[in-house]
Amino acid sequence: MSIKGQLTKIGFFAGLALFGCVAMSCNRTLKPNPDVTLKDYGAEPTVLDIEAYTMSNSNFRTALWTGKYLQVTLMTIAVGGDVGLEQHPDVDQFLRIEDGTAKVVMGDTEQSLTFTKMAGKDFAIIVPAGKWHNIINAGDKPLKLYSIYAPVEHPHGTVHKTQEEAEEMEHQH
């Protein structure tokens, strides 16, 4: 067999293997976990599978644990959607992507978002207090992530089914 024929054969099997891996990872995100109860568990001692909870959340934002000094929220950002340009003057924020692709922008003012990075599954995003920031879904499936705020950013038990609902509640909060 010629080298060109061997490369074609290798390319075919590599493509087949890649398709299988993608198909398997897609199946994982489609299966809801029956052991997950989405609610705010704070401020009680809690141990849970954060990936299972994040992947099971279909709301824009769900408070998972609210303590005195720290809060964990789950987020699902629709394709083409974003978190919304925001700033937390007195809150540091840690976010971790469980699934999807994001464009991360940050800066000192709303008009000067000089920091831009792409991030995907298993990436961490750290937002210092006072930085303007936005997380934009740059992929072709919902962006699944969780966020840790210190101190607490949202009221205990917060659930925002949509970004519009979140924006409306933030104006009242």
C-alpha atoms as a PDB file:
ATOM      1  CA  MET A   1       0.000   0.000   0.000  1.00  0.00           C
ATOM      2  CA  SER A   2       1.323   3.476  -0.875  1.00  0.00           C
ATOM      3  CA  ILE A   3       2.166   6.072   1.774  1.00  0.00           C
ATOM      4  CA  LYS A   4      -0.765   8.198   0.553  1.00  0.00           C
ATOM      5  CA  GLY A   5      -3.095   5.210   0.987  1.00  0.00           C
ATOM      6  CA  GLN A   6      -1.742   4.536   4.474  1.00  0.00           C
ATOM      7  CA  LEU A   7      -2.217   8.197   5.481  1.00  0.00           C
ATOM      8  CA  THR A   8      -5.787   8.124   4.157  1.00  0.00           C
ATOM      9  CA  LYS A   9      -6.497   4.983   6.177  1.00  0.00           C
ATOM     10  CA  ILE A  10      -4.933   6.527   9.318  1.00  0.00           C
ATOM     11  CA  GLY A  11      -6.930   9.729   8.785  1.00  0.00           C
ATOM     12  CA  PHE A  12     -10.164   7.744   8.463  1.00  0.00           C
ATOM     13  CA  PHE A  13      -9.584   5.870  11.727  1.00  0.00           C
ATOM     14  CA  ALA A  14      -8.437   9.023  13.545  1.00  0.00           C
ATOM     15  CA  GLY A  15     -11.636  10.770  12.393  1.00  0.00           C
ATOM     16  CA  LEU A  16     -13.727   7.798  13.487  1.00  0.00           C
ATOM     17  CA  ALA A  17     -12.068   7.786  16.921  1.00  0.00           C
ATOM     18  CA  LEU A  18     -12.599  11.556  17.297  1.00  0.00           C
ATOM     19  CA  PHE A  19     -16.271  11.190  16.330  1.00  0.00           C
ATOM     20  CA  GLY A  20     -16.674   8.440  18.951  1.00  0.00           C
ATOM     21  CA  CYS A  21     -15.109  10.581  21.672  1.00  0.00           C
ATOM     22  CA  VAL A  22     -17.314  13.558  20.784  1.00  0.00           C
ATOM     23  CA  ALA A  23     -20.428  11.376  20.664  1.00  0.00           C
ATOM     24  CA  MET A  24     -19.632   9.872  24.082  1.00  0.00           C
ATOM     25  CA  SER A  25     -19.044  13.282  25.668  1.00  0.00           C
ATOM     26  CA  CYS A  26     -22.273  14.617  24.143  1.00  0.00           C
ATOM     27  CA  ASN A  27     -24.253  11.723  25.600  1.00  0.00           C
ATOM     28  CA  ARG A  28     -22.925  12.518  29.074  1.00  0.00           C
ATOM     29  CA  THR A  29     -24.315  16.052  28.992  1.00  0.00           C
ATOM     30  CA  LEU A  30     -27.777  14.928  27.866  1.00  0.00           C
ATOM     31  CA  LYS A  31     -28.511  12.560  30.752  1.00  0.00           C
ATOM     32  CA  PRO A  32     -29.975  14.221  33.860  1.00  0.00           C
ATOM     33  CA  ASN A  33     -28.687  12.827  37.130  1.00  0.00           C
ATOM     34  CA  PRO A  34     -31.574  11.546  39.303  1.00  0.00           C
ATOM     35  CA  ASP A  35     -29.426  11.884  42.450  1.00  0.00           C
ATOM     36  CA  VAL A  36     -29.207  15.675  42.057  1.00  0.00           C
ATOM     37  CA  THR A  37     -31.600  17.935  43.948  1.00  0.00           C
ATOM     38  CA  LEU A  38     -31.058  21.530  42.902  1.00  0.00           C
ATOM     39  CA  LYS A  39     -31.576  23.756  45.929  1.00  0.00           C
ATOM     40  CA  ASP A  40     -29.572  26.067  48.169  1.00  0.00           C
ATOM     41  CA  TYR A  41     -27.842  23.810  50.735  1.00  0.00           C
ATOM     42  CA  GLY A  42     -26.184  26.633  52.675  1.00  0.00           C
ATOM     43  CA  ALA A  43     -25.078  27.210  55.303  1.00  0.00           C
ATOM     44  CA  GLU A  44     -24.897  23.561  56.300  1.00  0.00           C
ATOM     45  CA  PRO A  45     -21.959  21.164  55.935  1.00  0.00           C
ATOM     46  CA  THR A  46     -22.287  19.832  52.386  1.00  0.00           C
ATOM     47  CA  VAL A  47     -20.476  17.338  50.161  1.00  0.00           C
ATOM     48  CA  LEU A  48     -21.669  16.909  46.584  1.00  0.00           C
ATOM     49  CA  ASP A  49     -20.510  16.067  43.069  1.00  0.00           C
ATOM     50  CA  ILE A  50     -20.143  19.614  41.689  1.00  0.00           C
ATOM     51  CA  GLU A  51     -19.870  18.386  38.098  1.00  0.00           C
ATOM     52  CA  ALA A  52     -23.143  16.420  38.355  1.00  0.00           C
ATOM     53  CA  TYR A  53     -24.930  19.422  39.859  1.00  0.00           C
ATOM     54  CA  THR A  54     -23.526  21.851  37.293  1.00  0.00           C
ATOM     55  CA  MET A  55     -24.423  19.578  34.393  1.00  0.00           C
ATOM     56  CA  SER A  56     -27.962  19.025  35.776  1.00  0.00           C
ATOM     57  CA  ASN A  57     -28.724  22.743  36.091  1.00  0.00           C
ATOM     58  CA  SER A  58     -30.760  24.212  33.222  1.00  0.00           C
ATOM     59  CA  ASN A  59     -31.467  27.587  34.868  1.00  0.00           C
ATOM     60  CA  PHE A  60     -29.485  30.697  34.024  1.00  0.00           C
ATOM     61  CA  ARG A  61     -28.497  30.856  37.706  1.00  0.00           C
ATOM     62  CA  THR A  62     -29.177  28.595  40.687  1.00  0.00           C
ATOM     63  CA  ALA A  63     -27.721  29.264  44.141  1.00  0.00           C
ATOM     64  CA  LEU A  64     -26.351  25.928  45.354  1.00  0.00           C
ATOM     65  CA  TRP A  65     -24.782  26.925  48.660  1.00  0.00           C
ATOM     66  CA  THR A  66     -24.997  30.248  50.487  1.00  0.00           C
ATOM     67  CA  GLY A  67     -22.951  30.746  53.613  1.00  0.00           C
ATOM     68  CA  LYS A  68     -21.984  33.765  55.650  1.00  0.00           C
ATOM     69  CA  TYR A  69     -18.844  34.612  53.620  1.00  0.00           C
ATOM     70  CA  LEU A  70     -19.058  32.509  50.455  1.00  0.00           C
ATOM     71  CA  GLN A  71     -21.599  31.431  47.837  1.00  0.00           C
ATOM     72  CA  VAL A  72     -21.656  28.788  45.071  1.00  0.00           C
ATOM     73  CA  THR A  73     -23.974  29.275  42.107  1.00  0.00           C
ATOM     74  CA  LEU A  74     -24.570  27.127  39.021  1.00  0.00           C
ATOM     75  CA  MET A  75     -25.054  28.732  35.607  1.00  0.00           C
ATOM     76  CA  THR A  76     -26.184  27.644  32.166  1.00  0.00           C
ATOM     77  CA  ILE A  77     -25.532  30.176  29.405  1.00  0.00           C
ATOM     78  CA  ALA A  78     -27.472  29.605  26.176  1.00  0.00           C
ATOM     79  CA  VAL A  79     -25.710  29.411  22.813  1.00  0.00           C
ATOM     80  CA  GLY A  80     -24.877  32.989  21.808  1.00  0.00           C
ATOM     81  CA  GLY A  81     -25.721  34.232  25.314  1.00  0.00           C
ATOM     82  CA  ASP A  82     -23.604  35.739  28.046  1.00  0.00           C
ATOM     83  CA  VAL A  83     -23.504  36.356  31.777  1.00  0.00           C
ATOM     84  CA  GLY A  84     -23.890  40.080  31.182  1.00  0.00           C
ATOM     85  CA  LEU A  85     -21.257  42.771  31.592  1.00  0.00           C
ATOM     86  CA  GLU A  86     -20.962  43.381  35.329  1.00  0.00           C
ATOM     87  CA  GLN A  87     -18.698  44.469  38.145  1.00  0.00           C
ATOM     88  CA  HIS A  88     -18.646  43.350  41.782  1.00  0.00           C
ATOM     89  CA  PRO A  89     -16.869  46.151  43.700  1.00  0.00           C
ATOM     90  CA  ASP A  90     -16.304  44.124  46.890  1.00  0.00           C
ATOM     91  CA  VAL A  91     -16.545  40.514  45.660  1.00  0.00           C
ATOM     92  CA  ASP A  92     -13.860  38.229  44.279  1.00  0.00           C
ATOM     93  CA  GLN A  93     -15.197  35.566  41.929  1.00  0.00           C
ATOM     94  CA  PHE A  94     -13.983  32.128  40.824  1.00  0.00           C
ATOM     95  CA  LEU A  95     -15.698  30.357  37.919  1.00  0.00           C
ATOM     96  CA  ARG A  96     -15.073  26.887  36.507  1.00  0.00           C
ATOM     97  CA  ILE A  97     -16.342  25.643  33.173  1.00  0.00           C
ATOM     98  CA  GLU A  98     -17.702  22.098  33.246  1.00  0.00           C
ATOM     99  CA  ASP A  99     -18.827  22.040  29.598  1.00  0.00           C
ATOM    100  CA  GLY A 100     -18.738  24.344  26.601  1.00  0.00           C
ATOM    101  CA  THR A 101     -16.565  27.140  25.250  1.00  0.00           C
ATOM    102  CA  ALA A 102     -16.400  30.715  26.532  1.00  0.00           C
ATOM    103  CA  LYS A 103     -14.902  34.026  25.564  1.00  0.00           C
ATOM    104  CA  VAL A 104     -13.825  35.828  28.751  1.00  0.00           C
ATOM    105  CA  VAL A 105     -13.433  39.613  28.757  1.00  0.00           C
ATOM    106  CA  MET A 106     -12.316  41.833  31.647  1.00  0.00           C
ATOM    107  CA  GLY A 107     -11.126  45.368  32.194  1.00  0.00           C
ATOM    108  CA  ASP A 108     -10.984  48.353  34.491  1.00  0.00           C
ATOM    109  CA  THR A 109     -13.983  50.102  32.884  1.00  0.00           C
ATOM    110  CA  GLU A 110     -17.013  49.089  30.831  1.00  0.00           C
ATOM    111  CA  GLN A 111     -15.400  50.704  27.792  1.00  0.00           C
ATOM    112  CA  SER A 112     -11.927  49.220  28.300  1.00  0.00           C
ATOM    113  CA  LEU A 113     -12.164  45.427  28.343  1.00  0.00           C
ATOM    114  CA  THR A 114      -8.504  44.847  27.542  1.00  0.00           C
ATOM    115  CA  PHE A 115      -8.268  41.264  28.842  1.00  0.00           C
ATOM    116  CA  THR A 116      -9.658  38.630  26.444  1.00  0.00           C
ATOM    117  CA  LYS A 117      -9.148  34.862  26.681  1.00  0.00           C
ATOM    118  CA  MET A 118     -10.878  31.760  25.358  1.00  0.00           C
ATOM    119  CA  ALA A 119     -11.707  29.056  27.895  1.00  0.00           C
ATOM    120  CA  GLY A 120     -13.217  25.582  27.756  1.00  0.00           C
ATOM    121  CA  LYS A 121     -14.045  22.515  29.822  1.00  0.00           C
ATOM    122  CA  ASP A 122     -12.064  22.344  33.094  1.00  0.00           C
ATOM    123  CA  PHE A 123     -10.820  25.953  32.801  1.00  0.00           C
ATOM    124  CA  ALA A 124     -10.931  28.277  35.811  1.00  0.00           C
ATOM    125  CA  ILE A 125     -11.686  31.989  35.518  1.00  0.00           C
ATOM    126  CA  ILE A 126     -10.723  34.302  38.367  1.00  0.00           C
ATOM    127  CA  VAL A 127     -12.255  37.772  38.526  1.00  0.00           C
ATOM    128  CA  PRO A 128     -10.751  40.207  41.051  1.00  0.00           C
ATOM    129  CA  ALA A 129     -13.138  42.514  42.906  1.00  0.00           C
ATOM    130  CA  GLY A 130     -13.718  45.728  40.969  1.00  0.00           C
ATOM    131  CA  LYS A 131     -13.018  44.305  37.480  1.00  0.00           C
ATOM    132  CA  TRP A 132     -15.656  44.670  34.784  1.00  0.00           C
ATOM    133  CA  HIS A 133     -16.204  41.271  33.207  1.00  0.00           C
ATOM    134  CA  ASN A 134     -18.383  39.165  30.959  1.00  0.00           C
ATOM    135  CA  ILE A 135     -18.435  35.465  30.085  1.00  0.00           C
ATOM    136  CA  ILE A 136     -19.799  34.861  26.573  1.00  0.00           C
ATOM    137  CA  ASN A 137     -20.872  31.463  25.244  1.00  0.00           C
ATOM    138  CA  ALA A 138     -18.657  31.105  22.162  1.00  0.00           C
ATOM    139  CA  GLY A 139     -19.646  27.499  21.445  1.00  0.00           C
ATOM    140  CA  ASP A 140     -22.458  25.586  19.812  1.00  0.00           C
ATOM    141  CA  LYS A 141     -23.995  24.126  22.983  1.00  0.00           C
ATOM    142  CA  PRO A 142     -25.025  25.515  26.385  1.00  0.00           C
ATOM    143  CA  LEU A 143     -22.130  26.717  28.538  1.00  0.00           C
ATOM    144  CA  LYS A 144     -22.220  24.974  31.940  1.00  0.00           C
ATOM    145  CA  LEU A 145     -20.251  26.531  34.781  1.00  0.00           C
ATOM    146  CA  TYR A 146     -20.253  27.178  38.473  1.00  0.00           C
ATOM    147  CA  SER A 147     -19.239  30.326  40.266  1.00  0.00           C
ATOM    148  CA  ILE A 148     -17.907  30.966  43.756  1.00  0.00           C
ATOM    149  CA  TYR A 149     -18.437  34.428  45.218  1.00  0.00           C
ATOM    150  CA  ALA A 150     -16.638  35.695  48.291  1.00  0.00           C
ATOM    151  CA  PRO A 151     -18.419  37.328  50.004  1.00  0.00           C
ATOM    152  CA  VAL A 152     -21.970  36.290  49.053  1.00  0.00           C
ATOM    153  CA  GLU A 153     -23.434  38.040  45.985  1.00  0.00           C
ATOM    154  CA  HIS A 154     -27.051  36.780  45.714  1.00  0.00           C
ATOM    155  CA  PRO A 155     -29.784  36.143  48.313  1.00  0.00           C
ATOM    156  CA  HIS A 156     -30.076  32.611  49.765  1.00  0.00           C
ATOM    157  CA  GLY A 157     -32.158  30.358  47.513  1.00  0.00           C
ATOM    158  CA  THR A 158     -31.766  32.475  44.364  1.00  0.00           C
ATOM    159  CA  VAL A 159     -33.040  30.817  41.182  1.00  0.00           C
ATOM    160  CA  HIS A 160     -33.112  32.781  37.920  1.00  0.00           C
ATOM    161  CA  LYS A 161     -34.571  30.664  35.121  1.00  0.00           C
ATOM    162  CA  THR A 162     -33.460  33.190  32.456  1.00  0.00           C
ATOM    163  CA  GLN A 163     -30.994  36.030  32.072  1.00  0.00           C
ATOM    164  CA  GLU A 164     -33.914  38.478  31.785  1.00  0.00           C
ATOM    165  CA  GLU A 165     -35.280  37.263  35.116  1.00  0.00           C
ATOM    166  CA  ALA A 166     -31.814  37.657  36.675  1.00  0.00           C
ATOM    167  CA  GLU A 167     -31.507  41.238  35.396  1.00  0.00           C
ATOM    168  CA  GLU A 168     -34.976  42.121  36.698  1.00  0.00           C
ATOM    169  CA  MET A 169     -34.219  40.665  40.139  1.00  0.00           C
ATOM    170  CA  GLU A 170     -30.832  42.419  40.289  1.00  0.00           C
ATOM    171  CA  HIS A 171     -32.566  45.784  39.800  1.00  0.00           C
ATOM    172  CA  GLN A 172     -34.816  44.991  42.776  1.00  0.00           C
ATOM    173  CA  HIS A 173     -31.920  43.629  44.882  1.00  0.00           C
END
